[in-house]
Protein backbone atom coordinates (compact mmCIF):
# COMPACT_ATOMS: atom_id res chain seq x y z
CA MET A 1 106.77 120.02 103.23
CA THR A 2 106.10 118.04 106.57
CA VAL A 3 108.92 115.24 107.07
CA ARG A 4 106.88 112.05 107.90
CA LYS A 5 108.30 109.90 110.97
CA VAL A 6 108.31 106.34 110.29
CA LEU A 7 109.33 103.44 112.97
CA LEU A 8 110.86 100.82 111.15
CA PHE A 9 110.81 97.29 113.17
CA GLY A 10 113.61 94.89 111.75
CA ALA A 11 115.79 97.46 110.26
CA SER A 12 118.93 95.43 110.27
CA GLY A 13 117.29 92.61 108.42
CA TYR A 14 117.70 91.56 104.60
CA LEU A 15 114.61 93.51 103.70
CA GLY A 16 114.77 96.15 106.39
CA ARG A 17 118.11 97.39 105.07
CA GLU A 18 116.75 98.37 101.90
CA VAL A 19 113.25 99.56 103.35
CA ALA A 20 115.35 102.10 105.62
CA ALA A 21 117.32 103.18 102.51
CA ALA A 22 114.08 103.72 100.11
CA LEU A 23 112.49 105.56 103.10
CA ALA A 24 115.16 107.85 103.62
CA SER A 25 115.40 109.02 99.88
CA HIS A 26 111.87 109.03 99.24
CA PRO A 27 111.10 112.27 97.50
CA GLY A 28 108.05 112.87 100.37
CA GLY A 29 110.62 112.99 102.87
CA ALA A 30 110.90 110.60 105.92
CA ALA A 31 112.73 110.72 109.16
CA VAL A 32 113.39 106.77 110.04
CA VAL A 33 113.88 105.62 113.47
CA ARG A 34 115.39 102.22 112.90
CA VAL A 35 113.95 99.30 115.69
CA GLY A 36 115.87 96.32 116.28
CA ARG A 37 116.55 93.56 118.87
CA SER A 38 119.91 95.13 119.12
CA ALA A 39 120.32 98.43 117.85
CA PRO A 40 123.61 101.07 117.94
CA PRO A 41 123.91 103.91 120.61
CA GLY A 42 122.79 107.38 119.16
CA PRO A 43 119.96 109.02 117.61
CA GLY A 44 117.98 107.09 114.70
CA TRP A 45 117.69 103.74 116.60
CA ALA A 46 115.59 102.33 119.20
CA ARG A 47 115.66 98.81 120.77
CA HIS A 48 112.48 96.53 120.71
CA ASP A 49 111.89 92.59 120.07
CA LEU A 50 108.55 92.53 118.62
CA VAL A 51 108.64 88.79 119.27
CA THR A 52 109.47 88.44 123.14
CA GLY A 53 108.92 92.50 124.13
CA GLY A 54 105.86 93.32 126.43
CA HIS A 55 103.07 95.20 125.44
CA GLY A 56 103.83 98.29 127.78
CA GLU A 57 107.16 98.18 126.50
CA LEU A 58 105.75 98.88 122.64
CA VAL A 59 103.17 101.17 123.85
CA ASP A 60 106.14 103.17 125.60
CA LEU A 61 107.93 103.20 122.32
CA LEU A 62 105.12 104.36 120.38
CA THR A 63 104.29 106.87 122.66
CA THR A 64 107.87 108.42 122.81
CA THR A 65 108.74 108.26 118.76
CA ALA A 66 105.00 109.35 117.73
CA PRO A 67 105.36 107.88 114.32
CA ASP A 68 103.09 108.69 111.51
CA VAL A 69 103.74 105.15 109.87
CA VAL A 70 105.17 101.80 111.33
CA VAL A 71 106.63 99.49 108.98
CA ASN A 72 107.22 95.83 110.31
CA CYS A 73 109.87 94.21 108.35
CA VAL A 74 110.06 91.52 111.17
CA GLY A 75 109.51 87.84 109.89
CA LEU A 76 111.28 84.29 109.75
CA LEU A 77 111.71 81.64 106.74
CA ASP A 78 112.34 78.72 108.66
CA GLY A 79 112.22 77.32 112.24
CA THR A 80 109.78 75.43 114.56
CA LEU A 81 106.08 76.01 114.15
CA ALA A 82 106.52 77.75 117.53
CA GLU A 83 109.12 80.19 116.10
CA LEU A 84 107.40 80.97 112.89
CA VAL A 85 104.23 81.77 114.71
CA ALA A 86 106.07 84.29 116.93
CA ALA A 87 107.96 86.04 114.23
CA ASN A 88 105.03 86.01 111.66
CA VAL A 89 101.76 86.12 113.59
CA THR A 90 102.62 87.14 117.15
CA ALA A 91 104.75 90.19 116.11
CA THR A 92 102.10 91.81 113.69
CA ALA A 93 99.42 91.09 116.74
CA ARG A 94 101.42 93.17 119.02
CA LEU A 95 101.35 96.01 117.07
CA LEU A 96 97.56 95.70 115.87
CA ASP A 97 97.12 95.63 119.75
CA ALA A 98 99.23 98.21 120.50
CA ILE A 99 98.95 101.02 117.58
CA PRO A 100 95.31 102.19 118.23
CA VAL A 101 96.27 102.79 122.06
CA ALA A 102 99.48 104.74 121.60
CA ALA A 103 99.62 105.80 117.82
CA PRO A 104 96.11 105.83 116.68
CA ALA A 105 96.66 107.85 113.33
CA ALA A 106 99.41 105.90 112.12
CA ARG A 107 99.68 103.71 109.23
CA LEU A 108 100.76 100.28 109.57
CA VAL A 109 102.73 98.43 106.49
CA VAL A 110 103.31 94.80 107.22
CA LEU A 111 105.25 92.47 104.57
CA GLY A 112 103.08 89.35 104.04
CA SER A 113 104.32 86.79 101.37
CA ALA A 114 103.18 84.76 98.11
CA ALA A 115 103.36 81.64 100.08
CA GLU A 116 100.25 82.51 101.15
CA TYR A 117 98.62 81.96 98.06
CA GLY A 118 100.18 78.15 97.83
CA VAL A 119 99.37 76.10 94.60
CA VAL A 120 97.72 78.40 92.12
CA PRO A 121 96.65 77.74 88.37
CA GLU A 122 99.44 77.76 85.78
CA GLY A 123 99.52 80.79 83.39
CA LEU A 124 97.22 83.08 85.44
CA ALA A 125 99.01 85.70 87.28
CA VAL A 126 97.33 85.75 90.76
CA THR A 127 95.21 88.70 92.01
CA GLU A 128 94.64 89.62 95.81
CA ASP A 129 91.17 88.25 95.57
CA MET A 130 92.20 84.62 94.82
CA PRO A 131 91.97 81.70 97.30
CA ALA A 132 94.85 81.78 99.78
CA ASN A 133 95.78 78.03 100.25
CA PRO A 134 99.37 77.89 101.96
CA VAL A 135 100.89 74.73 101.54
CA ALA A 136 103.50 74.89 104.27
CA ALA A 137 103.95 76.40 107.97
CA TYR A 138 105.73 79.42 106.68
CA GLY A 139 102.65 80.51 104.40
CA VAL A 140 100.42 79.55 107.07
CA THR A 141 101.63 81.73 109.63
CA LYS A 142 102.11 84.42 106.99
CA LEU A 143 98.52 84.14 106.01
CA ALA A 144 97.48 84.70 109.42
CA GLY A 145 98.98 87.84 109.92
CA THR A 146 97.62 88.97 106.85
CA ALA A 147 94.09 87.69 108.25
CA LEU A 148 94.54 89.70 111.19
CA VAL A 149 95.60 93.06 109.61
CA ARG A 150 92.28 92.62 107.29
CA ALA A 151 90.08 92.15 110.44
CA ALA A 152 91.52 95.24 111.97
CA VAL A 153 91.23 97.15 108.96
CA ALA A 154 87.59 95.85 108.61
CA ALA A 155 87.08 97.07 111.98
CA GLY A 156 88.16 100.22 111.36
CA GLU A 157 90.79 100.08 114.51
CA VAL A 158 93.80 100.68 112.23
CA ASP A 159 94.91 102.30 108.99
CA ALA A 160 97.03 99.22 107.27
CA VAL A 161 98.10 97.60 104.21
CA VAL A 162 100.09 94.06 103.72
CA LEU A 163 102.13 94.05 100.88
CA ARG A 164 102.37 90.56 99.83
CA VAL A 165 106.16 90.34 98.49
CA PHE A 166 107.09 87.41 95.88
CA ASN A 167 110.73 86.24 95.82
CA PRO A 168 112.77 89.22 96.83
CA ILE A 169 116.46 89.04 95.43
CA GLY A 170 119.45 91.22 96.20
CA ALA A 171 122.62 91.56 98.33
CA GLY A 172 122.41 89.62 101.33
CA LEU A 173 119.92 87.02 100.16
CA PRO A 174 119.74 84.44 103.13
CA ASP A 175 120.72 80.96 102.20
CA GLY A 176 116.91 79.88 103.06
CA THR A 177 115.77 80.90 99.57
CA VAL A 178 116.74 79.05 96.25
CA LEU A 179 118.98 81.64 95.08
CA GLY A 180 120.67 82.30 98.29
CA ARG A 181 121.66 78.71 98.46
CA ALA A 182 122.65 78.73 94.79
CA ALA A 183 124.68 81.84 95.53
CA SER A 184 126.58 80.26 98.29
CA ALA A 185 127.50 76.71 96.41
CA VAL A 186 128.53 78.47 93.69
CA ARG A 187 130.91 80.88 95.61
CA SER A 188 132.05 77.51 97.47
CA ALA A 189 132.73 75.65 94.18
CA LEU A 190 134.74 78.66 92.47
CA THR A 191 137.54 77.55 95.31
CA ALA A 192 137.58 73.96 94.22
CA PRO A 193 138.08 73.36 90.33
CA GLY A 194 135.84 70.56 89.39
CA ARG A 195 133.32 70.70 92.00
CA GLU A 196 129.86 70.53 91.42
CA VAL A 197 127.10 72.97 92.67
CA ARG A 198 124.22 70.51 93.79
CA LEU A 199 120.90 72.24 94.32
CA GLY A 200 117.22 70.96 94.41
CA PRO A 201 114.89 70.55 91.51
CA LEU A 202 115.17 73.80 89.38
CA GLY A 203 112.07 73.42 87.32
CA ALA A 204 109.78 75.39 88.94
CA TYR A 205 108.49 78.71 88.09
CA ARG A 206 108.95 81.98 90.26
CA ASP A 207 108.36 85.53 90.08
CA PHE A 208 111.51 86.96 91.11
CA VAL A 209 111.50 90.81 92.49
CA ASP A 210 114.85 93.00 93.17
CA VAL A 211 114.59 93.62 96.96
CA ARG A 212 115.27 97.51 95.77
CA ASP A 213 111.98 97.55 94.08
CA VAL A 214 110.26 95.74 97.20
CA ALA A 215 111.90 98.64 99.34
CA GLU A 216 110.29 101.20 96.80
CA ALA A 217 106.93 99.79 97.07
CA VAL A 218 107.07 99.81 100.62
CA ALA A 219 108.24 103.41 101.09
CA LYS A 220 105.06 104.41 98.80
CA ALA A 221 102.78 102.33 100.75
CA ALA A 222 104.26 104.28 104.03
CA LEU A 223 104.04 107.80 102.25
CA SER A 224 101.47 107.95 100.15
CA ALA A 225 98.66 110.09 101.27
CA PRO A 226 95.69 108.25 99.90
CA ARG A 227 94.86 104.92 101.94
CA PRO A 228 95.93 102.09 99.58
CA ASP A 229 93.95 98.63 99.60
CA PRO A 230 94.59 96.56 102.44
CA VAL A 231 96.48 93.87 100.50
CA LEU A 232 98.62 94.43 97.60
CA ASN A 233 101.12 92.00 95.52
CA VAL A 234 104.59 93.34 95.16
CA GLY A 235 106.28 91.06 92.48
CA SER A 236 107.55 91.54 88.92
CA GLY A 237 104.75 90.32 87.27
CA VAL A 238 106.65 87.39 85.38
CA ALA A 239 107.13 83.83 86.16
CA VAL A 240 110.89 82.85 85.53
CA PRO A 241 112.11 79.13 85.35
CA VAL A 242 114.31 78.74 88.46
CA ARG A 243 116.87 77.02 86.40
CA GLU A 244 117.06 80.21 84.34
CA ALA A 245 117.83 82.45 87.38
CA VAL A 246 120.47 80.09 88.75
CA GLY A 247 121.79 80.28 85.03
CA LEU A 248 122.10 84.16 85.20
CA LEU A 249 123.88 83.50 88.41
CA ALA A 250 126.33 81.02 87.40
CA GLU A 251 126.98 83.36 84.20
CA ALA A 252 127.68 86.54 86.46
CA ALA A 253 130.27 84.21 88.44
CA GLY A 254 131.85 83.05 85.60
CA PHE A 255 131.02 79.20 86.83
CA THR A 256 131.02 76.86 83.98
CA GLY A 257 130.95 73.61 86.18
CA ARG A 258 127.95 71.08 86.69
CA ILE A 259 125.03 72.18 88.34
CA VAL A 260 123.22 69.14 89.60
CA GLU A 261 119.60 69.14 90.83
CA SER A 262 119.66 66.02 93.30
CA ASP A 263 119.13 67.78 96.84
CA PRO A 264 115.29 67.23 98.19
CA VAL A 265 112.15 69.60 97.36
CA PRO A 266 112.08 72.17 99.75
CA SER A 267 109.02 71.76 101.71
CA ARG A 268 108.17 75.75 102.23
CA SER A 269 107.15 75.64 98.64
CA GLY A 270 107.97 72.35 96.78
CA SER A 271 104.51 71.76 95.55
CA VAL A 272 104.00 75.18 93.70
CA ASP A 273 105.34 74.64 90.42
CA TRP A 274 104.40 78.14 88.93
CA ILE A 275 103.60 81.70 90.24
CA ALA A 276 103.49 85.02 89.05
CA ALA A 277 101.89 88.01 90.74
CA ASP A 278 99.33 90.49 88.95
CA LEU A 279 100.42 93.95 89.92
CA THR A 280 97.21 95.81 88.89
CA ARG A 281 96.21 96.89 92.33
CA ALA A 282 99.69 98.08 93.40
CA ARG A 283 100.30 100.15 90.00
CA LEU A 284 96.64 101.63 91.01
CA SER A 285 97.15 102.13 94.77
CA LEU A 286 100.72 102.98 94.81
CA ASP A 287 101.74 104.23 91.28
CA TRP A 288 104.46 101.27 91.76
CA SER A 289 105.83 99.29 89.03
CA PRO A 290 109.28 97.26 89.48
CA ARG A 291 112.03 99.06 87.78
CA ARG A 292 114.80 96.40 87.37
CA ASP A 293 115.35 93.14 85.42
CA LEU A 294 116.22 89.91 86.53
CA ARG A 295 119.63 89.79 84.97
CA THR A 296 120.52 93.29 86.62
CA SER A 297 119.02 91.90 90.06
CA VAL A 298 121.03 88.63 89.92
CA HIS A 299 124.42 90.10 88.80
CA ASP A 300 123.86 92.75 91.84
CA LEU A 301 123.08 89.89 93.97
CA TRP A 302 126.64 88.09 93.20
CA ALA A 303 128.49 91.21 92.86
CA ALA A 304 127.46 91.89 96.81
CA ALA A 305 128.09 88.18 97.86
CA VAL A 306 131.66 88.39 96.91
């Protein structure tokens, strides 16, 4: 069996670390070259910054490594408009420019976001064909990256797929996410008896998916022989009240104090009251379904946090 070479950008990030592990253990076999802004010396790593690096440097990297697959895990949740555009749009655009020149046969896998959908009808799992109307800059920039990939695929310039990831949770979850903030707040509260945990409103429903399940979907999209659909949802398929997920986190931590919902509503998705993924296409295109339930994911998140 031929081992496929994968060039993984953003390999040291929250999602990138899990994707690297899933690729390395995939039954089909993969030789992973991890790429980051900083990289340790030695084989298996390369240094490049998709945000600031030049076109020529990227072409040289692609030519030298000759990958069968390129995976882009570079992205930014929060920041200025310019920072979000650079990380979520320009980084993908650079790959779309360079791959046809230096690795025209390589498949490109890009991580999109459920934030691209914006407000959706409550109770109706969103399909990839539903209108995308993001409510904040993060979702707008992720949608712009997806639109560039769609256009390149339609023009026959690249073999590519965007995985629209819903709310990934797991070890190393950043504080920019609701459960990441909750984990940090609970950890601090446990050191001071009687301290409350203060968060924003927790009444919205979200689709939480284990980061390891996300990584397995990326590995399947990268290494599956048939060309997948250009956009695929990756979630759990279930909408859960954020309050329930935070309650599971408190249970895992043994925290019995008060959780007060007094902080401001997050601007990134505060107006989205309900969302869940329709996973039909991911099942058909990738033969993929999530394997871990929310309780397992939350307990593993807490175990890693402490």
